[in-house]
């Protein structure tokens, strides 16, 4: 994922979360907001309660990899904040992939 496609700043996270366009399942919460850019941007959050820094960074890398593979099929001009929930802590890559993909593509048809 290019740095151009990443939501980094706290004020962007806060703005997107306050819009309350939310989709969730037992593994992820995804907040979204339309943007005026020709590409989607993603912000990933894994809370400190889930594990140490090494574990959180590993989960973030896995989620980024899933997004990179998914973006070929699913491109939408939105900013996304993806938050990993407690149940996602115990899932392997393939299960995370399935859960995130179903949540993003499920929300695609509703708008």
PDB file of N, CA and C in Angstrom:
ATOM      1  N   UNK A   1       0.842  -1.159   0.000  1.00  0.00           N
ATOM      2  CA  UNK A   1       0.000   0.000   0.000  1.00  0.00           C
ATOM      3  C   UNK A   1       0.894   1.232   0.000  1.00  0.00           C
ATOM      4  N   UNK A   2       0.633   2.136  -0.924  1.00  0.00           N
ATOM      5  CA  UNK A   2       1.416   3.364  -0.996  1.00  0.00           C
ATOM      6  C   UNK A   2       1.046   4.293   0.151  1.00  0.00           C
ATOM      7  N   UNK A   3       1.989   5.123   0.544  1.00  0.00           N
ATOM      8  CA  UNK A   3       1.733   6.066   1.630  1.00  0.00           C
ATOM      9  C   UNK A   3       0.619   7.045   1.274  1.00  0.00           C
ATOM     10  N   UNK A   4       0.422   7.260  -0.004  1.00  0.00           N
ATOM     11  CA  UNK A   4      -0.641   8.140  -0.475  1.00  0.00           C
ATOM     12  C   UNK A   4      -2.013   7.622  -0.060  1.00  0.00           C
ATOM     13  N   UNK A   5      -2.153   6.325   0.084  1.00  0.00           N
ATOM     14  CA  UNK A   5      -3.443   5.697   0.368  1.00  0.00           C
ATOM     15  C   UNK A   5      -3.685   5.446   1.855  1.00  0.00           C
ATOM     16  N   UNK A   6      -2.950   6.126   2.718  1.00  0.00           N
ATOM     17  CA  UNK A   6      -3.055   5.890   4.154  1.00  0.00           C
ATOM     18  C   UNK A   6      -3.618   7.134   4.854  1.00  0.00           C
ATOM     19  N   UNK A   7      -4.562   6.929   5.741  1.00  0.00           N
ATOM     20  CA  UNK A   7      -5.056   7.992   6.617  1.00  0.00           C
ATOM     21  C   UNK A   7      -4.175   7.959   7.857  1.00  0.00           C
ATOM     22  N   UNK A   8      -3.478   9.057   8.135  1.00  0.00           N
ATOM     23  CA  UNK A   8      -2.501   9.059   9.214  1.00  0.00           C
ATOM     24  C   UNK A   8      -2.877   9.957  10.386  1.00  0.00           C
ATOM     25  N   UNK A   9      -3.462  11.095  10.086  1.00  0.00           N
ATOM     26  CA  UNK A   9      -3.622  12.130  11.103  1.00  0.00           C
ATOM     27  C   UNK A   9      -4.819  11.878  12.008  1.00  0.00           C
ATOM     28  N   UNK A  10      -4.650  12.264  13.266  1.00  0.00           N
ATOM     29  CA  UNK A  10      -5.701  12.084  14.273  1.00  0.00           C
ATOM     30  C   UNK A  10      -6.972  12.827  13.887  1.00  0.00           C
ATOM     31  N   UNK A  11      -6.848  14.034  13.322  1.00  0.00           N
ATOM     32  CA  UNK A  11      -8.037  14.799  12.957  1.00  0.00           C
ATOM     33  C   UNK A  11      -8.808  14.123  11.823  1.00  0.00           C
ATOM     34  N   UNK A  12      -8.107  13.407  10.931  1.00  0.00           N
ATOM     35  CA  UNK A  12      -8.803  12.641   9.889  1.00  0.00           C
ATOM     36  C   UNK A  12      -9.540  11.454  10.493  1.00  0.00           C
ATOM     37  N   UNK A  13      -8.891  10.749  11.419  1.00  0.00           N
ATOM     38  CA  UNK A  13      -9.537   9.632  12.109  1.00  0.00           C
ATOM     39  C   UNK A  13     -10.806  10.124  12.813  1.00  0.00           C
ATOM     40  N   UNK A  14     -10.682  11.221  13.562  1.00  0.00           N
ATOM     41  CA  UNK A  14     -11.823  11.757  14.315  1.00  0.00           C
ATOM     42  C   UNK A  14     -12.957  12.178  13.383  1.00  0.00           C
ATOM     43  N   UNK A  15     -12.634  12.845  12.279  1.00  0.00           N
ATOM     44  CA  UNK A  15     -13.638  13.318  11.326  1.00  0.00           C
ATOM     45  C   UNK A  15     -14.403  12.144  10.720  1.00  0.00           C
ATOM     46  N   UNK A  16     -13.684  11.104  10.324  1.00  0.00           N
ATOM     47  CA  UNK A  16     -14.311   9.945   9.689  1.00  0.00           C
ATOM     48  C   UNK A  16     -15.172   9.185  10.694  1.00  0.00           C
ATOM     49  N   UNK A  17     -14.699   9.038  11.908  1.00  0.00           N
ATOM     50  CA  UNK A  17     -15.462   8.307  12.926  1.00  0.00           C
ATOM     51  C   UNK A  17     -16.726   9.072  13.318  1.00  0.00           C
ATOM     52  N   UNK A  18     -16.675  10.393  13.351  1.00  0.00           N
ATOM     53  CA  UNK A  18     -17.844  11.186  13.726  1.00  0.00           C
ATOM     54  C   UNK A  18     -18.957  11.123  12.682  1.00  0.00           C
ATOM     55  N   UNK A  19     -18.646  10.786  11.447  1.00  0.00           N
ATOM     56  CA  UNK A  19     -19.665  10.693  10.395  1.00  0.00           C
ATOM     57  C   UNK A  19     -20.621   9.523  10.628  1.00  0.00           C
ATOM     58  N   UNK A  20     -20.196   8.506  11.348  1.00  0.00           N
ATOM     59  CA  UNK A  20     -21.019   7.358  11.744  1.00  0.00           C
ATOM     60  C   UNK A  20     -21.543   6.523  10.583  1.00  0.00           C
ATOM     61  N   UNK A  21     -20.834   6.477   9.470  1.00  0.00           N
ATOM     62  CA  UNK A  21     -21.138   5.496   8.436  1.00  0.00           C
ATOM     63  C   UNK A  21     -20.371   4.250   8.840  1.00  0.00           C
ATOM     64  N   UNK A  22     -21.047   3.380   9.594  1.00  0.00           N
ATOM     65  CA  UNK A  22     -20.351   2.285  10.255  1.00  0.00           C
ATOM     66  C   UNK A  22     -20.887   0.945   9.776  1.00  0.00           C
ATOM     67  N   UNK A  23     -19.948   0.017   9.554  1.00  0.00           N
ATOM     68  CA  UNK A  23     -20.273  -1.386   9.281  1.00  0.00           C
ATOM     69  C   UNK A  23     -19.468  -2.195  10.283  1.00  0.00           C
ATOM     70  N   UNK A  24     -20.069  -3.254  10.807  1.00  0.00           N
ATOM     71  CA  UNK A  24     -19.313  -4.030  11.785  1.00  0.00           C
ATOM     72  C   UNK A  24     -19.733  -5.484  11.752  1.00  0.00           C
ATOM     73  N   UNK A  25     -18.804  -6.315  12.196  1.00  0.00           N
ATOM     74  CA  UNK A  25     -19.080  -7.725  12.458  1.00  0.00           C
ATOM     75  C   UNK A  25     -18.320  -8.082  13.738  1.00  0.00           C
ATOM     76  N   UNK A  26     -18.173  -9.348  14.017  1.00  0.00           N
ATOM     77  CA  UNK A  26     -17.526  -9.722  15.276  1.00  0.00           C
ATOM     78  C   UNK A  26     -16.019  -9.485  15.281  1.00  0.00           C
ATOM     79  N   UNK A  27     -15.420  -9.217  14.123  1.00  0.00           N
ATOM     80  CA  UNK A  27     -13.974  -9.052  14.014  1.00  0.00           C
ATOM     81  C   UNK A  27     -13.527  -7.612  13.752  1.00  0.00           C
ATOM     82  N   UNK A  28     -14.301  -6.871  12.972  1.00  0.00           N
ATOM     83  CA  UNK A  28     -13.908  -5.521  12.550  1.00  0.00           C
ATOM     84  C   UNK A  28     -15.034  -4.521  12.766  1.00  0.00           C
ATOM     85  N   UNK A  29     -14.637  -3.262  12.931  1.00  0.00           N
ATOM     86  CA  UNK A  29     -15.534  -2.118  12.807  1.00  0.00           C
ATOM     87  C   UNK A  29     -14.925  -1.262  11.708  1.00  0.00           C
ATOM     88  N   UNK A  30     -15.737  -0.882  10.724  1.00  0.00           N
ATOM     89  CA  UNK A  30     -15.236  -0.061   9.625  1.00  0.00           C
ATOM     90  C   UNK A  30     -16.087   1.203   9.546  1.00  0.00           C
ATOM     91  N   UNK A  31     -15.427   2.346   9.679  1.00  0.00           N
ATOM     92  CA  UNK A  31     -16.063   3.642   9.485  1.00  0.00           C
ATOM     93  C   UNK A  31     -15.662   4.125   8.104  1.00  0.00           C
ATOM     94  N   UNK A  32     -16.584   4.784   7.414  1.00  0.00           N
ATOM     95  CA  UNK A  32     -16.249   5.252   6.071  1.00  0.00           C
ATOM     96  C   UNK A  32     -16.848   6.630   5.821  1.00  0.00           C
ATOM     97  N   UNK A  33     -16.210   7.336   4.897  1.00  0.00           N
ATOM     98  CA  UNK A  33     -16.675   8.651   4.487  1.00  0.00           C
ATOM     99  C   UNK A  33     -16.208   8.867   3.044  1.00  0.00           C
ATOM    100  N   UNK A  34     -17.068   9.437   2.217  1.00  0.00           N
ATOM    101  CA  UNK A  34     -16.676   9.735   0.842  1.00  0.00           C
ATOM    102  C   UNK A  34     -15.568  10.777   0.831  1.00  0.00           C
ATOM    103  N   UNK A  35     -14.680  10.661  -0.146  1.00  0.00           N
ATOM    104  CA  UNK A  35     -13.654  11.684  -0.335  1.00  0.00           C
ATOM    105  C   UNK A  35     -13.696  12.162  -1.777  1.00  0.00           C
ATOM    106  N   UNK A  36     -13.005  13.222  -2.073  1.00  0.00           N
ATOM    107  CA  UNK A  36     -12.990  13.790  -3.427  1.00  0.00           C
ATOM    108  C   UNK A  36     -11.738  13.382  -4.191  1.00  0.00           C
ATOM    109  N   UNK A  37     -11.155  12.276  -3.812  1.00  0.00           N
ATOM    110  CA  UNK A  37      -9.922  11.808  -4.434  1.00  0.00           C
ATOM    111  C   UNK A  37     -10.239  10.645  -5.370  1.00  0.00           C
ATOM    112  N   UNK A  38      -9.393  10.378  -6.358  1.00  0.00           N
ATOM    113  CA  UNK A  38      -9.658   9.264  -7.286  1.00  0.00           C
ATOM    114  C   UNK A  38      -9.261   7.891  -6.743  1.00  0.00           C
ATOM    115  N   UNK A  39      -9.028   7.796  -5.454  1.00  0.00           N
ATOM    116  CA  UNK A  39      -8.613   6.537  -4.840  1.00  0.00           C
ATOM    117  C   UNK A  39      -9.158   6.473  -3.418  1.00  0.00           C
ATOM    118  N   UNK A  40      -9.133   5.281  -2.859  1.00  0.00           N
ATOM    119  CA  UNK A  40      -9.558   5.075  -1.473  1.00  0.00           C
ATOM    120  C   UNK A  40      -8.352   5.223  -0.548  1.00  0.00           C
ATOM    121  N   UNK A  41      -8.605   5.669   0.689  1.00  0.00           N
ATOM    122  CA  UNK A  41      -7.558   5.757   1.697  1.00  0.00           C
ATOM    123  C   UNK A  41      -7.990   4.934   2.903  1.00  0.00           C
ATOM    124  N   UNK A  42      -7.004   4.364   3.596  1.00  0.00           N
ATOM    125  CA  UNK A  42      -7.286   3.460   4.706  1.00  0.00           C
ATOM    126  C   UNK A  42      -6.486   3.857   5.938  1.00  0.00           C
ATOM    127  N   UNK A  43      -7.138   3.771   7.085  1.00  0.00           N
ATOM    128  CA  UNK A  43      -6.475   3.921   8.372  1.00  0.00           C
ATOM    129  C   UNK A  43      -6.757   2.659   9.172  1.00  0.00           C
ATOM    130  N   UNK A  44      -5.749   2.103   9.792  1.00  0.00           N
ATOM    131  CA  UNK A  44      -5.898   0.847  10.514  1.00  0.00           C
ATOM    132  C   UNK A  44      -5.566   1.088  11.979  1.00  0.00           C
ATOM    133  N   UNK A  45      -6.422   0.567  12.852  1.00  0.00           N
ATOM    134  CA  UNK A  45      -6.208   0.733  14.281  1.00  0.00           C
ATOM    135  C   UNK A  45      -6.337  -0.612  14.981  1.00  0.00           C
ATOM    136  N   UNK A  46      -5.322  -0.937  15.776  1.00  0.00           N
ATOM    137  CA  UNK A  46      -5.339  -2.135  16.616  1.00  0.00           C
ATOM    138  C   UNK A  46      -5.022  -1.648  18.024  1.00  0.00           C
ATOM    139  N   UNK A  47      -5.952  -1.838  18.939  1.00  0.00           N
ATOM    140  CA  UNK A  47      -5.823  -1.296  20.296  1.00  0.00           C
ATOM    141  C   UNK A  47      -4.734  -1.956  21.116  1.00  0.00           C
ATOM    142  N   UNK A  48      -4.236  -1.227  22.100  1.00  0.00           N
ATOM    143  CA  UNK A  48      -3.182  -1.727  22.975  1.00  0.00           C
ATOM    144  C   UNK A  48      -3.631  -2.908  23.822  1.00  0.00           C
ATOM    145  N   UNK A  49      -4.925  -3.022  24.054  1.00  0.00           N
ATOM    146  CA  UNK A  49      -5.437  -4.124  24.874  1.00  0.00           C
ATOM    147  C   UNK A  49      -5.264  -5.478  24.181  1.00  0.00           C
ATOM    148  N   UNK A  50      -5.104  -5.468  22.857  1.00  0.00           N
ATOM    149  CA  UNK A  50      -5.006  -6.728  22.123  1.00  0.00           C
ATOM    150  C   UNK A  50      -3.644  -7.384  22.226  1.00  0.00           C
ATOM    151  N   UNK A  51      -2.597  -6.613  22.464  1.00  0.00           N
ATOM    152  CA  UNK A  51      -1.275  -7.222  22.568  1.00  0.00           C
ATOM    153  C   UNK A  51      -0.174  -6.188  22.545  1.00  0.00           C
ATOM    154  N   UNK A  52       1.051  -6.690  22.542  1.00  0.00           N
ATOM    155  CA  UNK A  52       2.204  -5.781  22.539  1.00  0.00           C
ATOM    156  C   UNK A  52       2.429  -5.204  21.136  1.00  0.00           C
ATOM    157  N   UNK A  53       3.411  -4.338  20.987  1.00  0.00           N
ATOM    158  CA  UNK A  53       3.657  -3.632  19.734  1.00  0.00           C
ATOM    159  C   UNK A  53       3.956  -4.589  18.582  1.00  0.00           C
ATOM    160  N   UNK A  54       4.693  -5.640  18.851  1.00  0.00           N
ATOM    161  CA  UNK A  54       5.037  -6.602  17.806  1.00  0.00           C
ATOM    162  C   UNK A  54       3.766  -7.266  17.278  1.00  0.00           C
ATOM    163  N   UNK A  55       2.887  -7.663  18.160  1.00  0.00           N
ATOM    164  CA  UNK A  55       1.632  -8.301  17.768  1.00  0.00           C
ATOM    165  C   UNK A  55       0.749  -7.325  16.988  1.00  0.00           C
ATOM    166  N   UNK A  56       0.606  -6.089  17.479  1.00  0.00           N
ATOM    167  CA  UNK A  56      -0.255  -5.101  16.813  1.00  0.00           C
ATOM    168  C   UNK A  56       0.260  -4.775  15.425  1.00  0.00           C
ATOM    169  N   UNK A  57       1.572  -4.619  15.282  1.00  0.00           N
ATOM    170  CA  UNK A  57       2.141  -4.322  13.962  1.00  0.00           C
ATOM    171  C   UNK A  57       1.969  -5.490  13.004  1.00  0.00           C
ATOM    172  N   UNK A  58       2.053  -6.712  13.506  1.00  0.00           N
ATOM    173  CA  UNK A  58       1.843  -7.901  12.669  1.00  0.00           C
ATOM    174  C   UNK A  58       0.413  -7.916  12.127  1.00  0.00           C
ATOM    175  N   UNK A  59      -0.558  -7.630  12.990  1.00  0.00           N
ATOM    176  CA  UNK A  59      -1.961  -7.592  12.561  1.00  0.00           C
ATOM    177  C   UNK A  59      -2.196  -6.469  11.550  1.00  0.00           C
ATOM    178  N   UNK A  60      -1.557  -5.324  11.763  1.00  0.00           N
ATOM    179  CA  UNK A  60      -1.694  -4.221  10.805  1.00  0.00           C
ATOM    180  C   UNK A  60      -1.115  -4.597   9.450  1.00  0.00           C
ATOM    181  N   UNK A  61       0.021  -5.283   9.434  1.00  0.00           N
ATOM    182  CA  UNK A  61       0.609  -5.738   8.166  1.00  0.00           C
ATOM    183  C   UNK A  61      -0.317  -6.714   7.460  1.00  0.00           C
ATOM    184  N   UNK A  62      -0.931  -7.607   8.227  1.00  0.00           N
ATOM    185  CA  UNK A  62      -1.863  -8.565   7.637  1.00  0.00           C
ATOM    186  C   UNK A  62      -3.059  -7.839   7.025  1.00  0.00           C
ATOM    187  N   UNK A  63      -3.596  -6.866   7.721  1.00  0.00           N
ATOM    188  CA  UNK A  63      -4.749  -6.121   7.208  1.00  0.00           C
ATOM    189  C   UNK A  63      -4.364  -5.329   5.971  1.00  0.00           C
ATOM    190  N   UNK A  64      -3.184  -4.709   5.961  1.00  0.00           N
ATOM    191  CA  UNK A  64      -2.720  -3.992   4.768  1.00  0.00           C
ATOM    192  C   UNK A  64      -2.587  -4.922   3.575  1.00  0.00           C
ATOM    193  N   UNK A  65      -2.084  -6.119   3.806  1.00  0.00           N
ATOM    194  CA  UNK A  65      -1.948  -7.103   2.734  1.00  0.00           C
ATOM    195  C   UNK A  65      -3.314  -7.495   2.181  1.00  0.00           C
ATOM    196  N   UNK A  66      -4.280  -7.682   3.058  1.00  0.00           N
ATOM    197  CA  UNK A  66      -5.638  -8.023   2.622  1.00  0.00           C
ATOM    198  C   UNK A  66      -6.211  -6.894   1.777  1.00  0.00           C
ATOM    199  N   UNK A  67      -6.012  -5.655   2.210  1.00  0.00           N
ATOM    200  CA  UNK A  67      -6.519  -4.502   1.458  1.00  0.00           C
ATOM    201  C   UNK A  67      -5.874  -4.424   0.087  1.00  0.00           C
ATOM    202  N   UNK A  68      -4.562  -4.635   0.015  1.00  0.00           N
ATOM    203  CA  UNK A  68      -3.873  -4.604  -1.275  1.00  0.00           C
ATOM    204  C   UNK A  68      -4.440  -5.642  -2.238  1.00  0.00           C
ATOM    205  N   UNK A  69      -4.701  -6.842  -1.749  1.00  0.00           N
ATOM    206  CA  UNK A  69      -5.256  -7.888  -2.600  1.00  0.00           C
ATOM    207  C   UNK A  69      -6.711  -7.623  -2.951  1.00  0.00           C
ATOM    208  N   UNK A  70      -7.445  -7.037  -2.049  1.00  0.00           N
ATOM    209  CA  UNK A  70      -8.862  -6.777  -2.244  1.00  0.00           C
ATOM    210  C   UNK A  70      -9.108  -5.580  -3.145  1.00  0.00           C
ATOM    211  N   UNK A  71      -8.204  -4.633  -3.156  1.00  0.00           N
ATOM    212  CA  UNK A  71      -8.405  -3.391  -3.880  1.00  0.00           C
ATOM    213  C   UNK A  71      -8.495  -3.603  -5.395  1.00  0.00           C
ATOM    214  N   UNK A  72      -7.978  -4.694  -5.892  1.00  0.00           N
ATOM    215  CA  UNK A  72      -8.092  -4.995  -7.316  1.00  0.00           C
ATOM    216  C   UNK A  72      -9.552  -5.191  -7.701  1.00  0.00           C
ATOM    217  N   UNK A  73     -10.344  -5.773  -6.809  1.00  0.00           N
ATOM    218  CA  UNK A  73     -11.748  -6.050  -7.080  1.00  0.00           C
ATOM    219  C   UNK A  73     -12.671  -4.955  -6.566  1.00  0.00           C
ATOM    220  N   UNK A  74     -12.217  -4.230  -5.575  1.00  0.00           N
ATOM    221  CA  UNK A  74     -13.084  -3.299  -4.869  1.00  0.00           C
ATOM    222  C   UNK A  74     -12.400  -1.955  -4.745  1.00  0.00           C
ATOM    223  N   UNK A  75     -12.755  -1.013  -5.619  1.00  0.00           N
ATOM    224  CA  UNK A  75     -12.177   0.324  -5.555  1.00  0.00           C
ATOM    225  C   UNK A  75     -13.332   1.312  -5.423  1.00  0.00           C
ATOM    226  N   UNK A  76     -13.296   2.105  -4.395  1.00  0.00           N
ATOM    227  CA  UNK A  76     -14.334   3.082  -4.148  1.00  0.00           C
ATOM    228  C   UNK A  76     -13.689   4.332  -3.575  1.00  0.00           C
ATOM    229  N   UNK A  77     -14.197   5.480  -3.920  1.00  0.00           N
ATOM    230  CA  UNK A  77     -13.617   6.740  -3.474  1.00  0.00           C
ATOM    231  C   UNK A  77     -14.082   7.074  -2.061  1.00  0.00           C
ATOM    232  N   UNK A  78     -13.522   6.388  -1.092  1.00  0.00           N
ATOM    233  CA  UNK A  78     -13.876   6.620   0.302  1.00  0.00           C
ATOM    234  C   UNK A  78     -12.634   6.545   1.179  1.00  0.00           C
ATOM    235  N   UNK A  79     -12.760   7.155   2.343  1.00  0.00           N
ATOM    236  CA  UNK A  79     -11.764   6.995   3.393  1.00  0.00           C
ATOM    237  C   UNK A  79     -12.320   5.969   4.368  1.00  0.00           C
ATOM    238  N   UNK A  80     -11.494   5.021   4.762  1.00  0.00           N
ATOM    239  CA  UNK A  80     -11.912   3.958   5.671  1.00  0.00           C
ATOM    240  C   UNK A  80     -11.038   3.958   6.914  1.00  0.00           C
ATOM    241  N   UNK A  81     -11.673   3.755   8.065  1.00  0.00           N
ATOM    242  CA  UNK A  81     -10.961   3.490   9.310  1.00  0.00           C
ATOM    243  C   UNK A  81     -11.342   2.064   9.696  1.00  0.00           C
ATOM    244  N   UNK A  82     -10.364   1.181   9.755  1.00  0.00           N
ATOM    245  CA  UNK A  82     -10.601  -0.228  10.066  1.00  0.00           C
ATOM    246  C   UNK A  82     -10.047  -0.489  11.466  1.00  0.00           C
ATOM    247  N   UNK A  83     -10.937  -0.924  12.351  1.00  0.00           N
ATOM    248  CA  UNK A  83     -10.553  -1.187  13.738  1.00  0.00           C
ATOM    249  C   UNK A  83     -10.707  -2.680  13.993  1.00  0.00           C
ATOM    250  N   UNK A  84      -9.639  -3.300  14.471  1.00  0.00           N
ATOM    251  CA  UNK A  84      -9.668  -4.719  14.807  1.00  0.00           C
ATOM    252  C   UNK A  84     -10.260  -4.892  16.199  1.00  0.00           C
ATOM    253  N   UNK A  85     -11.221  -5.799  16.322  1.00  0.00           N
ATOM    254  CA  UNK A  85     -11.859  -6.064  17.606  1.00  0.00           C
ATOM    255  C   UNK A  85     -11.174  -7.236  18.314  1.00  0.00           C
ATOM    256  N   UNK A  86     -11.598  -7.482  19.525  1.00  0.00           N
ATOM    257  CA  UNK A  86     -10.997  -8.517  20.381  1.00  0.00           C
ATOM    258  C   UNK A  86     -11.000  -9.903  19.730  1.00  0.00           C
ATOM    259  N   UNK A  87     -12.092 -10.280  19.055  1.00  0.00           N
ATOM    260  CA  UNK A  87     -12.156 -11.611  18.452  1.00  0.00           C
ATOM    261  C   UNK A  87     -11.149 -11.787  17.320  1.00  0.00           C
ATOM    262  N   UNK A  88     -10.764 -10.701  16.664  1.00  0.00           N
ATOM    263  CA  UNK A  88      -9.797 -10.769  15.586  1.00  0.00           C
ATOM    264  C   UNK A  88      -8.405 -11.124  16.050  1.00  0.00           C
ATOM    265  N   UNK A  89      -8.176 -10.998  17.332  1.00  0.00           N
ATOM    266  CA  UNK A  89      -6.871 -11.299  17.918  1.00  0.00           C
ATOM    267  C   UNK A  89      -6.486 -12.757  17.694  1.00  0.00           C
ATOM    268  N   UNK A  90      -7.464 -13.637  17.706  1.00  0.00           N
ATOM    269  CA  UNK A  90      -7.194 -15.072  17.652  1.00  0.00           C
ATOM    270  C   UNK A  90      -7.306 -15.660  16.243  1.00  0.00           C
ATOM    271  N   UNK A  91      -7.664 -14.851  15.254  1.00  0.00           N
ATOM    272  CA  UNK A  91      -7.871 -15.374  13.910  1.00  0.00           C
ATOM    273  C   UNK A  91      -6.584 -15.337  13.090  1.00  0.00           C
ATOM    274  N   UNK A  92      -6.451 -16.305  12.223  1.00  0.00           N
ATOM    275  CA  UNK A  92      -5.315 -16.359  11.310  1.00  0.00           C
ATOM    276  C   UNK A  92      -5.610 -15.507  10.073  1.00  0.00           C
ATOM    277  N   UNK A  93      -4.626 -15.387   9.193  1.00  0.00           N
ATOM    278  CA  UNK A  93      -4.708 -14.514   8.026  1.00  0.00           C
ATOM    279  C   UNK A  93      -5.920 -14.833   7.151  1.00  0.00           C
ATOM    280  N   UNK A  94      -6.135 -16.100   6.828  1.00  0.00           N
ATOM    281  CA  UNK A  94      -7.233 -16.468   5.928  1.00  0.00           C
ATOM    282  C   UNK A  94      -8.591 -16.102   6.510  1.00  0.00           C
ATOM    283  N   UNK A  95      -8.757 -16.295   7.794  1.00  0.00           N
ATOM    284  CA  UNK A  95     -10.027 -15.946   8.440  1.00  0.00           C
ATOM    285  C   UNK A  95     -10.227 -14.433   8.480  1.00  0.00           C
ATOM    286  N   UNK A  96      -9.163 -13.680   8.758  1.00  0.00           N
ATOM    287  CA  UNK A  96      -9.243 -12.221   8.719  1.00  0.00           C
ATOM    288  C   UNK A  96      -9.607 -11.747   7.316  1.00  0.00           C
ATOM    289  N   UNK A  97      -8.994 -12.361   6.327  1.00  0.00           N
ATOM    290  CA  UNK A  97      -9.266 -12.019   4.934  1.00  0.00           C
ATOM    291  C   UNK A  97     -10.745 -12.207   4.610  1.00  0.00           C
ATOM    292  N   UNK A  98     -11.280 -13.329   4.979  1.00  0.00           N
ATOM    293  CA  UNK A  98     -12.680 -13.643   4.708  1.00  0.00           C
ATOM    294  C   UNK A  98     -13.613 -12.644   5.402  1.00  0.00           C
ATOM    295  N   UNK A  99     -13.360 -12.351   6.667  1.00  0.00           N
ATOM    296  CA  UNK A  99     -14.217 -11.440   7.437  1.00  0.00           C
ATOM    297  C   UNK A  99     -14.177 -10.016   6.882  1.00  0.00           C
ATOM    298  N   UNK A 100     -12.975  -9.521   6.569  1.00  0.00           N
ATOM    299  CA  UNK A 100     -12.842  -8.156   6.063  1.00  0.00           C
ATOM    300  C   UNK A 100     -13.459  -8.032   4.672  1.00  0.00           C
ATOM    301  N   UNK A 101     -13.216  -9.018   3.837  1.00  0.00           N
ATOM    302  CA  UNK A 101     -13.759  -8.991   2.481  1.00  0.00           C
ATOM    303  C   UNK A 101     -15.288  -9.002   2.505  1.00  0.00           C
ATOM    304  N   UNK A 102     -15.875  -9.853   3.327  1.00  0.00           N
ATOM    305  CA  UNK A 102     -17.332  -9.915   3.390  1.00  0.00           C
ATOM    306  C   UNK A 102     -17.914  -8.596   3.895  1.00  0.00           C
ATOM    307  N   UNK A 103     -17.250  -7.963   4.829  1.00  0.00           N
ATOM    308  CA  UNK A 103     -17.747  -6.711   5.381  1.00  0.00           C
ATOM    309  C   UNK A 103     -17.644  -5.565   4.375  1.00  0.00           C
ATOM    310  N   UNK A 104     -16.529  -5.460   3.671  1.00  0.00           N
ATOM    311  CA  UNK A 104     -16.370  -4.388   2.686  1.00  0.00           C
ATOM    312  C   UNK A 104     -17.289  -4.573   1.485  1.00  0.00           C
ATOM    313  N   UNK A 105     -17.391  -5.784   0.991  1.00  0.00           N
ATOM    314  CA  UNK A 105     -18.219  -6.016  -0.195  1.00  0.00           C
ATOM    315  C   UNK A 105     -19.703  -5.977   0.167  1.00  0.00           C
ATOM    316  N   UNK A 106     -20.071  -6.366   1.357  1.00  0.00           N
ATOM    317  CA  UNK A 106     -21.459  -6.268   1.821  1.00  0.00           C
ATOM    318  C   UNK A 106     -21.885  -4.802   1.834  1.00  0.00           C
ATOM    319  N   UNK A 107     -21.023  -3.942   2.303  1.00  0.00           N
ATOM    320  CA  UNK A 107     -21.342  -2.519   2.385  1.00  0.00           C
ATOM    321  C   UNK A 107     -21.342  -1.824   1.040  1.00  0.00           C
ATOM    322  N   UNK A 108     -20.719  -2.427   0.036  1.00  0.00           N
ATOM    323  CA  UNK A 108     -20.616  -1.826  -1.299  1.00  0.00           C
ATOM    324  C   UNK A 108     -21.991  -1.656  -1.931  1.00  0.00           C
ATOM    325  N   UNK A 109     -22.873  -2.637  -1.757  1.00  0.00           N
ATOM    326  CA  UNK A 109     -24.171  -2.601  -2.409  1.00  0.00           C
ATOM    327  C   UNK A 109     -25.164  -1.684  -1.706  1.00  0.00           C
ATOM    328  N   UNK A 110     -24.927  -1.361  -0.445  1.00  0.00           N
ATOM    329  CA  UNK A 110     -25.886  -0.592   0.334  1.00  0.00           C
ATOM    330  C   UNK A 110     -25.841   0.891   0.032  1.00  0.00           C
ATOM    331  N   UNK A 111     -24.805   1.380  -0.625  1.00  0.00           N
ATOM    332  CA  UNK A 111     -24.719   2.807  -0.902  1.00  0.00           C
ATOM    333  C   UNK A 111     -24.890   3.084  -2.347  1.00  0.00           C
TER     334      UNK A 111
END
